[in-house]
Amino acid sequence: LQDLVDLMDKDIKKDDMDSYMNHN
């Protein structure tokens, strides 16, 4: 769960909404 939150932070910085939605 912590890893997923960290990945979502990276998705936000990259403006990658598809990846963010997947991790979310």
mmCIF file of all heavy atoms, coordinates in Angstrom:
data_MODEL
# 
_entry.id   MODEL 
# 
loop_
_atom_site.group_PDB 
_atom_site.id 
_atom_site.type_symbol 
_atom_site.label_atom_id 
_atom_site.label_alt_id 
_atom_site.label_comp_id 
_atom_site.label_asym_id 
_atom_site.label_entity_id 
_atom_site.label_seq_id 
_atom_site.pdbx_PDB_ins_code 
_atom_site.Cartn_x 
_atom_site.Cartn_y 
_atom_site.Cartn_z 
_atom_site.occupancy 
_atom_site.B_iso_or_equiv 
_atom_site.pdbx_formal_charge 
_atom_site.auth_seq_id 
_atom_site.auth_comp_id 
_atom_site.auth_asym_id 
_atom_site.auth_atom_id 
_atom_site.pdbx_PDB_model_num 
ATOM 1   N N   . LEU A 1 1  ? 0.837  -1.208 0.000   1.00 0.00 ? 1  LEU A N   1 
ATOM 2   C CA  . LEU A 1 1  ? 0.000  0.000  0.000   1.00 0.00 ? 1  LEU A CA  1 
ATOM 3   C C   . LEU A 1 1  ? 0.872  1.258  0.000   1.00 0.00 ? 1  LEU A C   1 
ATOM 4   O O   . LEU A 1 1  ? 0.588  2.220  -0.730  1.00 0.00 ? 1  LEU A O   1 
ATOM 5   C CB  . LEU A 1 1  ? -0.931 0.001  1.212   1.00 0.00 ? 1  LEU A CB  1 
ATOM 6   C CG  . LEU A 1 1  ? -2.113 -0.964 1.150   1.00 0.00 ? 1  LEU A CG  1 
ATOM 7   C CD1 . LEU A 1 1  ? -2.741 -1.142 2.527   1.00 0.00 ? 1  LEU A CD1 1 
ATOM 8   C CD2 . LEU A 1 1  ? -3.165 -0.461 0.154   1.00 0.00 ? 1  LEU A CD2 1 
ATOM 9   N N   . GLN A 1 2  ? 1.935  1.246  0.814   1.00 0.00 ? 2  GLN A N   1 
ATOM 10  C CA  . GLN A 1 2  ? 2.856  2.386  0.840   1.00 0.00 ? 2  GLN A CA  1 
ATOM 11  C C   . GLN A 1 2  ? 3.541  2.556  -0.507  1.00 0.00 ? 2  GLN A C   1 
ATOM 12  O O   . GLN A 1 2  ? 3.703  3.684  -0.998  1.00 0.00 ? 2  GLN A O   1 
ATOM 13  C CB  . GLN A 1 2  ? 3.889  2.196  1.939   1.00 0.00 ? 2  GLN A CB  1 
ATOM 14  C CG  . GLN A 1 2  ? 4.857  3.371  2.093   1.00 0.00 ? 2  GLN A CG  1 
ATOM 15  C CD  . GLN A 1 2  ? 4.155  4.663  2.433   1.00 0.00 ? 2  GLN A CD  1 
ATOM 16  O OE1 . GLN A 1 2  ? 3.478  4.750  3.453   1.00 0.00 ? 2  GLN A OE1 1 
ATOM 17  N NE2 . GLN A 1 2  ? 4.292  5.677  1.577   1.00 0.00 ? 2  GLN A NE2 1 
ATOM 18  N N   . ASP A 1 3  ? 3.942  1.438  -1.115  1.00 0.00 ? 3  ASP A N   1 
ATOM 19  C CA  . ASP A 1 3  ? 4.573  1.501  -2.440  1.00 0.00 ? 3  ASP A CA  1 
ATOM 20  C C   . ASP A 1 3  ? 3.623  2.122  -3.469  1.00 0.00 ? 3  ASP A C   1 
ATOM 21  O O   . ASP A 1 3  ? 4.048  2.914  -4.321  1.00 0.00 ? 3  ASP A O   1 
ATOM 22  C CB  . ASP A 1 3  ? 4.980  0.099  -2.907  1.00 0.00 ? 3  ASP A CB  1 
ATOM 23  C CG  . ASP A 1 3  ? 6.165  -0.465 -2.118  1.00 0.00 ? 3  ASP A CG  1 
ATOM 24  O OD1 . ASP A 1 3  ? 6.867  0.327  -1.455  1.00 0.00 ? 3  ASP A OD1 1 
ATOM 25  O OD2 . ASP A 1 3  ? 6.360  -1.694 -2.169  1.00 0.00 ? 3  ASP A OD2 1 
ATOM 26  N N   . LEU A 1 4  ? 2.349  1.768  -3.390  1.00 0.00 ? 4  LEU A N   1 
ATOM 27  C CA  . LEU A 1 4  ? 1.364  2.310  -4.330  1.00 0.00 ? 4  LEU A CA  1 
ATOM 28  C C   . LEU A 1 4  ? 1.191  3.814  -4.142  1.00 0.00 ? 4  LEU A C   1 
ATOM 29  O O   . LEU A 1 4  ? 1.060  4.563  -5.117  1.00 0.00 ? 4  LEU A O   1 
ATOM 30  C CB  . LEU A 1 4  ? 0.020  1.591  -4.167  1.00 0.00 ? 4  LEU A CB  1 
ATOM 31  C CG  . LEU A 1 4  ? -0.018 0.157  -4.712  1.00 0.00 ? 4  LEU A CG  1 
ATOM 32  C CD1 . LEU A 1 4  ? -1.254 -0.582 -4.205  1.00 0.00 ? 4  LEU A CD1 1 
ATOM 33  C CD2 . LEU A 1 4  ? -0.006 0.162  -6.244  1.00 0.00 ? 4  LEU A CD2 1 
ATOM 34  N N   . VAL A 1 5  ? 1.194  4.256  -2.898  1.00 0.00 ? 5  VAL A N   1 
ATOM 35  C CA  . VAL A 1 5  ? 1.101  5.700  -2.630  1.00 0.00 ? 5  VAL A CA  1 
ATOM 36  C C   . VAL A 1 5  ? 2.316  6.421  -3.206  1.00 0.00 ? 5  VAL A C   1 
ATOM 37  O O   . VAL A 1 5  ? 2.194  7.498  -3.814  1.00 0.00 ? 5  VAL A O   1 
ATOM 38  C CB  . VAL A 1 5  ? 0.976  5.954  -1.111  1.00 0.00 ? 5  VAL A CB  1 
ATOM 39  C CG1 . VAL A 1 5  ? 1.213  7.436  -0.786  1.00 0.00 ? 5  VAL A CG1 1 
ATOM 40  C CG2 . VAL A 1 5  ? -0.406 5.532  -0.622  1.00 0.00 ? 5  VAL A CG2 1 
ATOM 41  N N   . ASP A 1 6  ? 3.493  5.831  -3.038  1.00 0.00 ? 6  ASP A N   1 
ATOM 42  C CA  . ASP A 1 6  ? 4.711  6.426  -3.598  1.00 0.00 ? 6  ASP A CA  1 
ATOM 43  C C   . ASP A 1 6  ? 4.648  6.475  -5.126  1.00 0.00 ? 6  ASP A C   1 
ATOM 44  O O   . ASP A 1 6  ? 5.063  7.466  -5.749  1.00 0.00 ? 6  ASP A O   1 
ATOM 45  C CB  . ASP A 1 6  ? 5.937  5.622  -3.165  1.00 0.00 ? 6  ASP A CB  1 
ATOM 46  C CG  . ASP A 1 6  ? 6.193  5.706  -1.660  1.00 0.00 ? 6  ASP A CG  1 
ATOM 47  O OD1 . ASP A 1 6  ? 5.672  6.648  -1.020  1.00 0.00 ? 6  ASP A OD1 1 
ATOM 48  O OD2 . ASP A 1 6  ? 6.894  4.814  -1.131  1.00 0.00 ? 6  ASP A OD2 1 
ATOM 49  N N   . LEU A 1 7  ? 4.130  5.419  -5.730  1.00 0.00 ? 7  LEU A N   1 
ATOM 50  C CA  . LEU A 1 7  ? 3.981  5.385  -7.192  1.00 0.00 ? 7  LEU A CA  1 
ATOM 51  C C   . LEU A 1 7  ? 2.994  6.454  -7.666  1.00 0.00 ? 7  LEU A C   1 
ATOM 52  O O   . LEU A 1 7  ? 3.209  7.090  -8.711  1.00 0.00 ? 7  LEU A O   1 
ATOM 53  C CB  . LEU A 1 7  ? 3.513  3.999  -7.643  1.00 0.00 ? 7  LEU A CB  1 
ATOM 54  C CG  . LEU A 1 7  ? 4.573  2.892  -7.586  1.00 0.00 ? 7  LEU A CG  1 
ATOM 55  C CD1 . LEU A 1 7  ? 3.929  1.523  -7.812  1.00 0.00 ? 7  LEU A CD1 1 
ATOM 56  C CD2 . LEU A 1 7  ? 5.657  3.133  -8.643  1.00 0.00 ? 7  LEU A CD2 1 
ATOM 57  N N   . MET A 1 8  ? 1.938  6.666  -6.892  1.00 0.00 ? 8  MET A N   1 
ATOM 58  C CA  . MET A 1 8  ? 0.974  7.709  -7.274  1.00 0.00 ? 8  MET A CA  1 
ATOM 59  C C   . MET A 1 8  ? 1.582  9.095  -7.181  1.00 0.00 ? 8  MET A C   1 
ATOM 60  O O   . MET A 1 8  ? 1.284  9.979  -7.987  1.00 0.00 ? 8  MET A O   1 
ATOM 61  C CB  . MET A 1 8  ? -0.297 7.591  -6.424  1.00 0.00 ? 8  MET A CB  1 
ATOM 62  C CG  . MET A 1 8  ? -1.211 6.459  -6.881  1.00 0.00 ? 8  MET A CG  1 
ATOM 63  S SD  . MET A 1 8  ? -2.812 6.382  -6.028  1.00 0.00 ? 8  MET A SD  1 
ATOM 64  C CE  . MET A 1 8  ? -2.355 5.445  -4.565  1.00 0.00 ? 8  MET A CE  1 
ATOM 65  N N   . ASP A 1 9  ? 2.465  9.306  -6.210  1.00 0.00 ? 9  ASP A N   1 
ATOM 66  C CA  . ASP A 1 9  ? 3.192  10.583 -6.147  1.00 0.00 ? 9  ASP A CA  1 
ATOM 67  C C   . ASP A 1 9  ? 4.010  10.797 -7.428  1.00 0.00 ? 9  ASP A C   1 
ATOM 68  O O   . ASP A 1 9  ? 4.041  11.906 -7.988  1.00 0.00 ? 9  ASP A O   1 
ATOM 69  C CB  . ASP A 1 9  ? 4.124  10.599 -4.931  1.00 0.00 ? 9  ASP A CB  1 
ATOM 70  C CG  . ASP A 1 9  ? 3.425  11.068 -3.668  1.00 0.00 ? 9  ASP A CG  1 
ATOM 71  O OD1 . ASP A 1 9  ? 2.407  11.772 -3.775  1.00 0.00 ? 9  ASP A OD1 1 
ATOM 72  O OD2 . ASP A 1 9  ? 3.906  10.721 -2.563  1.00 0.00 ? 9  ASP A OD2 1 
ATOM 73  N N   . LYS A 1 10 ? 4.663  9.729  -7.882  1.00 0.00 ? 10 LYS A N   1 
ATOM 74  C CA  . LYS A 1 10 ? 5.450  9.816  -9.119  1.00 0.00 ? 10 LYS A CA  1 
ATOM 75  C C   . LYS A 1 10 ? 4.542  10.052 -10.332 1.00 0.00 ? 10 LYS A C   1 
ATOM 76  O O   . LYS A 1 10 ? 4.882  10.822 -11.241 1.00 0.00 ? 10 LYS A O   1 
ATOM 77  C CB  . LYS A 1 10 ? 6.267  8.545  -9.310  1.00 0.00 ? 10 LYS A CB  1 
ATOM 78  C CG  . LYS A 1 10 ? 7.372  8.374  -8.278  1.00 0.00 ? 10 LYS A CG  1 
ATOM 79  C CD  . LYS A 1 10 ? 8.131  7.063  -8.471  1.00 0.00 ? 10 LYS A CD  1 
ATOM 80  C CE  . LYS A 1 10 ? 9.211  6.892  -7.414  1.00 0.00 ? 10 LYS A CE  1 
ATOM 81  N NZ  . LYS A 1 10 ? 9.910  5.592  -7.530  1.00 0.00 ? 10 LYS A NZ  1 
ATOM 82  N N   . ASP A 1 11 ? 3.385  9.386  -10.354 1.00 0.00 ? 11 ASP A N   1 
ATOM 83  C CA  . ASP A 1 11 ? 2.434  9.583  -11.457 1.00 0.00 ? 11 ASP A CA  1 
ATOM 84  C C   . ASP A 1 11 ? 1.978  11.041 -11.535 1.00 0.00 ? 11 ASP A C   1 
ATOM 85  O O   . ASP A 1 11 ? 1.839  11.605 -12.627 1.00 0.00 ? 11 ASP A O   1 
ATOM 86  C CB  . ASP A 1 11 ? 1.197  8.685  -11.260 1.00 0.00 ? 11 ASP A CB  1 
ATOM 87  C CG  . ASP A 1 11 ? 1.522  7.211  -11.353 1.00 0.00 ? 11 ASP A CG  1 
ATOM 88  O OD1 . ASP A 1 11 ? 2.505  6.858  -12.031 1.00 0.00 ? 11 ASP A OD1 1 
ATOM 89  O OD2 . ASP A 1 11 ? 0.788  6.405  -10.752 1.00 0.00 ? 11 ASP A OD2 1 
ATOM 90  N N   . ILE A 1 12 ? 1.748  11.631 -10.372 1.00 0.00 ? 12 ILE A N   1 
ATOM 91  C CA  . ILE A 1 12 ? 1.313  13.030 -10.325 1.00 0.00 ? 12 ILE A CA  1 
ATOM 92  C C   . ILE A 1 12 ? 2.405  13.939 -10.892 1.00 0.00 ? 12 ILE A C   1 
ATOM 93  O O   . ILE A 1 12 ? 2.131  14.846 -11.689 1.00 0.00 ? 12 ILE A O   1 
ATOM 94  C CB  . ILE A 1 12 ? 0.957  13.434 -8.876  1.00 0.00 ? 12 ILE A CB  1 
ATOM 95  C CG1 . ILE A 1 12 ? -0.299 12.684 -8.419  1.00 0.00 ? 12 ILE A CG1 1 
ATOM 96  C CG2 . ILE A 1 12 ? 0.733  14.948 -8.778  1.00 0.00 ? 12 ILE A CG2 1 
ATOM 97  C CD1 . ILE A 1 12 ? -0.552 12.777 -6.921  1.00 0.00 ? 12 ILE A CD1 1 
ATOM 98  N N   . LYS A 1 13 ? 3.658  13.700 -10.510 1.00 0.00 ? 13 LYS A N   1 
ATOM 99  C CA  . LYS A 1 13 ? 4.764  14.522 -11.002 1.00 0.00 ? 13 LYS A CA  1 
ATOM 100 C C   . LYS A 1 13 ? 4.922  14.392 -12.516 1.00 0.00 ? 13 LYS A C   1 
ATOM 101 O O   . LYS A 1 13 ? 5.267  15.349 -13.207 1.00 0.00 ? 13 LYS A O   1 
ATOM 102 C CB  . LYS A 1 13 ? 6.070  14.118 -10.305 1.00 0.00 ? 13 LYS A CB  1 
ATOM 103 C CG  . LYS A 1 13 ? 6.125  14.538 -8.843  1.00 0.00 ? 13 LYS A CG  1 
ATOM 104 C CD  . LYS A 1 13 ? 7.427  14.100 -8.186  1.00 0.00 ? 13 LYS A CD  1 
ATOM 105 C CE  . LYS A 1 13 ? 7.464  14.497 -6.722  1.00 0.00 ? 13 LYS A CE  1 
ATOM 106 N NZ  . LYS A 1 13 ? 8.706  14.034 -6.042  1.00 0.00 ? 13 LYS A NZ  1 
ATOM 107 N N   . LYS A 1 14 ? 4.661  13.176 -13.037 1.00 0.00 ? 14 LYS A N   1 
ATOM 108 C CA  . LYS A 1 14 ? 4.783  12.924 -14.483 1.00 0.00 ? 14 LYS A CA  1 
ATOM 109 C C   . LYS A 1 14 ? 3.503  13.266 -15.237 1.00 0.00 ? 14 LYS A C   1 
ATOM 110 O O   . LYS A 1 14 ? 3.480  13.195 -16.466 1.00 0.00 ? 14 LYS A O   1 
ATOM 111 C CB  . LYS A 1 14 ? 5.139  11.454 -14.720 1.00 0.00 ? 14 LYS A CB  1 
ATOM 112 C CG  . LYS A 1 14 ? 6.524  11.064 -14.232 1.00 0.00 ? 14 LYS A CG  1 
ATOM 113 C CD  . LYS A 1 14 ? 6.896  9.665  -14.660 1.00 0.00 ? 14 LYS A CD  1 
ATOM 114 C CE  . LYS A 1 14 ? 6.039  8.612  -13.990 1.00 0.00 ? 14 LYS A CE  1 
ATOM 115 N NZ  . LYS A 1 14 ? 6.479  7.235  -14.325 1.00 0.00 ? 14 LYS A NZ  1 
ATOM 116 N N   . ASP A 1 15 ? 2.450  13.639 -14.486 1.00 0.00 ? 15 ASP A N   1 
ATOM 117 C CA  . ASP A 1 15 ? 1.147  13.933 -15.083 1.00 0.00 ? 15 ASP A CA  1 
ATOM 118 C C   . ASP A 1 15 ? 0.639  12.739 -15.898 1.00 0.00 ? 15 ASP A C   1 
ATOM 119 O O   . ASP A 1 15 ? 0.082  12.893 -16.977 1.00 0.00 ? 15 ASP A O   1 
ATOM 120 C CB  . ASP A 1 15 ? 1.233  15.180 -15.980 1.00 0.00 ? 15 ASP A CB  1 
ATOM 121 C CG  . ASP A 1 15 ? -0.148 15.744 -16.304 1.00 0.00 ? 15 ASP A CG  1 
ATOM 122 O OD1 . ASP A 1 15 ? -1.080 15.539 -15.512 1.00 0.00 ? 15 ASP A OD1 1 
ATOM 123 O OD2 . ASP A 1 15 ? -0.303 16.363 -17.380 1.00 0.00 ? 15 ASP A OD2 1 
ATOM 124 N N   . ASP A 1 16 ? 0.820  11.558 -15.342 1.00 0.00 ? 16 ASP A N   1 
ATOM 125 C CA  . ASP A 1 16 ? 0.393  10.323 -16.005 1.00 0.00 ? 16 ASP A CA  1 
ATOM 126 C C   . ASP A 1 16 ? -0.878 9.826  -15.320 1.00 0.00 ? 16 ASP A C   1 
ATOM 127 O O   . ASP A 1 16 ? -0.835 9.029  -14.381 1.00 0.00 ? 16 ASP A O   1 
ATOM 128 C CB  . ASP A 1 16 ? 1.503  9.268  -15.905 1.00 0.00 ? 16 ASP A CB  1 
ATOM 129 C CG  . ASP A 1 16 ? 1.197  8.031  -16.738 1.00 0.00 ? 16 ASP A CG  1 
ATOM 130 O OD1 . ASP A 1 16 ? 0.033  7.847  -17.143 1.00 0.00 ? 16 ASP A OD1 1 
ATOM 131 O OD2 . ASP A 1 16 ? 2.141  7.241  -16.989 1.00 0.00 ? 16 ASP A OD2 1 
ATOM 132 N N   . MET A 1 17 ? -2.030 10.303 -15.819 1.00 0.00 ? 17 MET A N   1 
ATOM 133 C CA  . MET A 1 17 ? -3.297 9.985  -15.172 1.00 0.00 ? 17 MET A CA  1 
ATOM 134 C C   . MET A 1 17 ? -3.711 8.533  -15.377 1.00 0.00 ? 17 MET A C   1 
ATOM 135 O O   . MET A 1 17 ? -4.372 7.947  -14.528 1.00 0.00 ? 17 MET A O   1 
ATOM 136 C CB  . MET A 1 17 ? -4.399 10.926 -15.661 1.00 0.00 ? 17 MET A CB  1 
ATOM 137 C CG  . MET A 1 17 ? -4.244 12.358 -15.168 1.00 0.00 ? 17 MET A CG  1 
ATOM 138 S SD  . MET A 1 17 ? -4.200 12.504 -13.360 1.00 0.00 ? 17 MET A SD  1 
ATOM 139 C CE  . MET A 1 17 ? -2.440 12.695 -13.035 1.00 0.00 ? 17 MET A CE  1 
ATOM 140 N N   . ASP A 1 18 ? -3.348 7.939  -16.506 1.00 0.00 ? 18 ASP A N   1 
ATOM 141 C CA  . ASP A 1 18 ? -3.683 6.526  -16.720 1.00 0.00 ? 18 ASP A CA  1 
ATOM 142 C C   . ASP A 1 18 ? -2.987 5.650  -15.679 1.00 0.00 ? 18 ASP A C   1 
ATOM 143 O O   . ASP A 1 18 ? -3.595 4.747  -15.096 1.00 0.00 ? 18 ASP A O   1 
ATOM 144 C CB  . ASP A 1 18 ? -3.292 6.080  -18.127 1.00 0.00 ? 18 ASP A CB  1 
ATOM 145 C CG  . ASP A 1 18 ? -4.222 6.634  -19.194 1.00 0.00 ? 18 ASP A CG  1 
ATOM 146 O OD1 . ASP A 1 18 ? -5.376 6.945  -18.855 1.00 0.00 ? 18 ASP A OD1 1 
ATOM 147 O OD2 . ASP A 1 18 ? -3.793 6.755  -20.355 1.00 0.00 ? 18 ASP A OD2 1 
ATOM 148 N N   . SER A 1 19 ? -1.707 5.914  -15.457 1.00 0.00 ? 19 SER A N   1 
ATOM 149 C CA  . SER A 1 19 ? -0.962 5.154  -14.464 1.00 0.00 ? 19 SER A CA  1 
ATOM 150 C C   . SER A 1 19 ? -1.500 5.433  -13.059 1.00 0.00 ? 19 SER A C   1 
ATOM 151 O O   . SER A 1 19 ? -1.623 4.521  -12.231 1.00 0.00 ? 19 SER A O   1 
ATOM 152 C CB  . SER A 1 19 ? 0.526  5.506  -14.536 1.00 0.00 ? 19 SER A CB  1 
ATOM 153 O OG  . SER A 1 19 ? 1.267  4.750  -13.611 1.00 0.00 ? 19 SER A OG  1 
ATOM 154 N N   . TYR A 1 20 ? -1.824 6.687  -12.794 1.00 0.00 ? 20 TYR A N   1 
ATOM 155 C CA  . TYR A 1 20 ? -2.381 7.049  -11.479 1.00 0.00 ? 20 TYR A CA  1 
ATOM 156 C C   . TYR A 1 20 ? -3.681 6.289  -11.216 1.00 0.00 ? 20 TYR A C   1 
ATOM 157 O O   . TYR A 1 20 ? -3.877 5.735  -10.131 1.00 0.00 ? 20 TYR A O   1 
ATOM 158 C CB  . TYR A 1 20 ? -2.645 8.558  -11.391 1.00 0.00 ? 20 TYR A CB  1 
ATOM 159 C CG  . TYR A 1 20 ? -3.226 8.967  -10.055 1.00 0.00 ? 20 TYR A CG  1 
ATOM 160 C CD1 . TYR A 1 20 ? -2.406 9.361  -9.015  1.00 0.00 ? 20 TYR A CD1 1 
ATOM 161 C CD2 . TYR A 1 20 ? -4.604 8.918  -9.828  1.00 0.00 ? 20 TYR A CD2 1 
ATOM 162 C CE1 . TYR A 1 20 ? -2.926 9.709  -7.773  1.00 0.00 ? 20 TYR A CE1 1 
ATOM 163 C CE2 . TYR A 1 20 ? -5.130 9.251  -8.592  1.00 0.00 ? 20 TYR A CE2 1 
ATOM 164 C CZ  . TYR A 1 20 ? -4.295 9.647  -7.583  1.00 0.00 ? 20 TYR A CZ  1 
ATOM 165 O OH  . TYR A 1 20 ? -4.818 9.971  -6.353  1.00 0.00 ? 20 TYR A OH  1 
ATOM 166 N N   . MET A 1 21 ? -4.567 6.253  -12.212 1.00 0.00 ? 21 MET A N   1 
ATOM 167 C CA  . MET A 1 21 ? -5.850 5.562  -12.028 1.00 0.00 ? 21 MET A CA  1 
ATOM 168 C C   . MET A 1 21 ? -5.641 4.078  -11.763 1.00 0.00 ? 21 MET A C   1 
ATOM 169 O O   . MET A 1 21 ? -6.336 3.473  -10.937 1.00 0.00 ? 21 MET A O   1 
ATOM 170 C CB  . MET A 1 21 ? -6.758 5.783  -13.234 1.00 0.00 ? 21 MET A CB  1 
ATOM 171 C CG  . MET A 1 21 ? -7.308 7.196  -13.334 1.00 0.00 ? 21 MET A CG  1 
ATOM 172 S SD  . MET A 1 21 ? -8.622 7.376  -14.558 1.00 0.00 ? 21 MET A SD  1 
ATOM 173 C CE  . MET A 1 21 ? -7.734 6.996  -16.052 1.00 0.00 ? 21 MET A CE  1 
ATOM 174 N N   . ASN A 1 22 ? -4.678 3.483  -12.451 1.00 0.00 ? 22 ASN A N   1 
ATOM 175 C CA  . ASN A 1 22 ? -4.368 2.074  -12.242 1.00 0.00 ? 22 ASN A CA  1 
ATOM 176 C C   . ASN A 1 22 ? -3.868 1.828  -10.816 1.00 0.00 ? 22 ASN A C   1 
ATOM 177 O O   . ASN A 1 22 ? -4.334 0.913  -10.125 1.00 0.00 ? 22 ASN A O   1 
ATOM 178 C CB  . ASN A 1 22 ? -3.317 1.616  -13.257 1.00 0.00 ? 22 ASN A CB  1 
ATOM 179 C CG  . ASN A 1 22 ? -2.931 0.166  -13.088 1.00 0.00 ? 22 ASN A CG  1 
ATOM 180 O OD1 . ASN A 1 22 ? -3.781 -0.708 -12.947 1.00 0.00 ? 22 ASN A OD1 1 
ATOM 181 N ND2 . ASN A 1 22 ? -1.641 -0.112 -13.103 1.00 0.00 ? 22 ASN A ND2 1 
ATOM 182 N N   . HIS A 1 23 ? -2.942 2.655  -10.361 1.00 0.00 ? 23 HIS A N   1 
ATOM 183 C CA  . HIS A 1 23 ? -2.412 2.488  -9.007  1.00 0.00 ? 23 HIS A CA  1 
ATOM 184 C C   . HIS A 1 23 ? -3.474 2.814  -7.951  1.00 0.00 ? 23 HIS A C   1 
ATOM 185 O O   . HIS A 1 23 ? -3.522 2.178  -6.884  1.00 0.00 ? 23 HIS A O   1 
ATOM 186 C CB  . HIS A 1 23 ? -1.183 3.377  -8.812  1.00 0.00 ? 23 HIS A CB  1 
ATOM 187 C CG  . HIS A 1 23 ? -0.005 2.944  -9.617  1.00 0.00 ? 23 HIS A CG  1 
ATOM 188 N ND1 . HIS A 1 23 ? 0.820  3.829  -10.300 1.00 0.00 ? 23 HIS A ND1 1 
ATOM 189 C CD2 . HIS A 1 23 ? 0.494  1.698  -9.884  1.00 0.00 ? 23 HIS A CD2 1 
ATOM 190 C CE1 . HIS A 1 23 ? 1.768  3.152  -10.927 1.00 0.00 ? 23 HIS A CE1 1 
ATOM 191 N NE2 . HIS A 1 23 ? 1.589  1.866  -10.691 1.00 0.00 ? 23 HIS A NE2 1 
ATOM 192 N N   . ASN A 1 24 ? -4.321 3.780  -8.240  1.00 0.00 ? 24 ASN A N   1 
ATOM 193 C CA  . ASN A 1 24 ? -5.394 4.140  -7.323  1.00 0.00 ? 24 ASN A CA  1 
ATOM 194 C C   . ASN A 1 24 ? -6.368 2.976  -7.132  1.00 0.00 ? 24 ASN A C   1 
ATOM 195 O O   . ASN A 1 24 ? -6.778 2.658  -6.012  1.00 0.00 ? 24 ASN A O   1 
ATOM 196 C CB  . ASN A 1 24 ? -6.129 5.373  -7.850  1.00 0.00 ? 24 ASN A CB  1 
ATOM 197 C CG  . ASN A 1 24 ? -7.211 5.854  -6.906  1.00 0.00 ? 24 ASN A CG  1 
ATOM 198 O OD1 . ASN A 1 24 ? -6.959 6.111  -5.730  1.00 0.00 ? 24 ASN A OD1 1 
ATOM 199 N ND2 . ASN A 1 24 ? -8.427 5.977  -7.409  1.00 0.00 ? 24 ASN A ND2 1 
# 
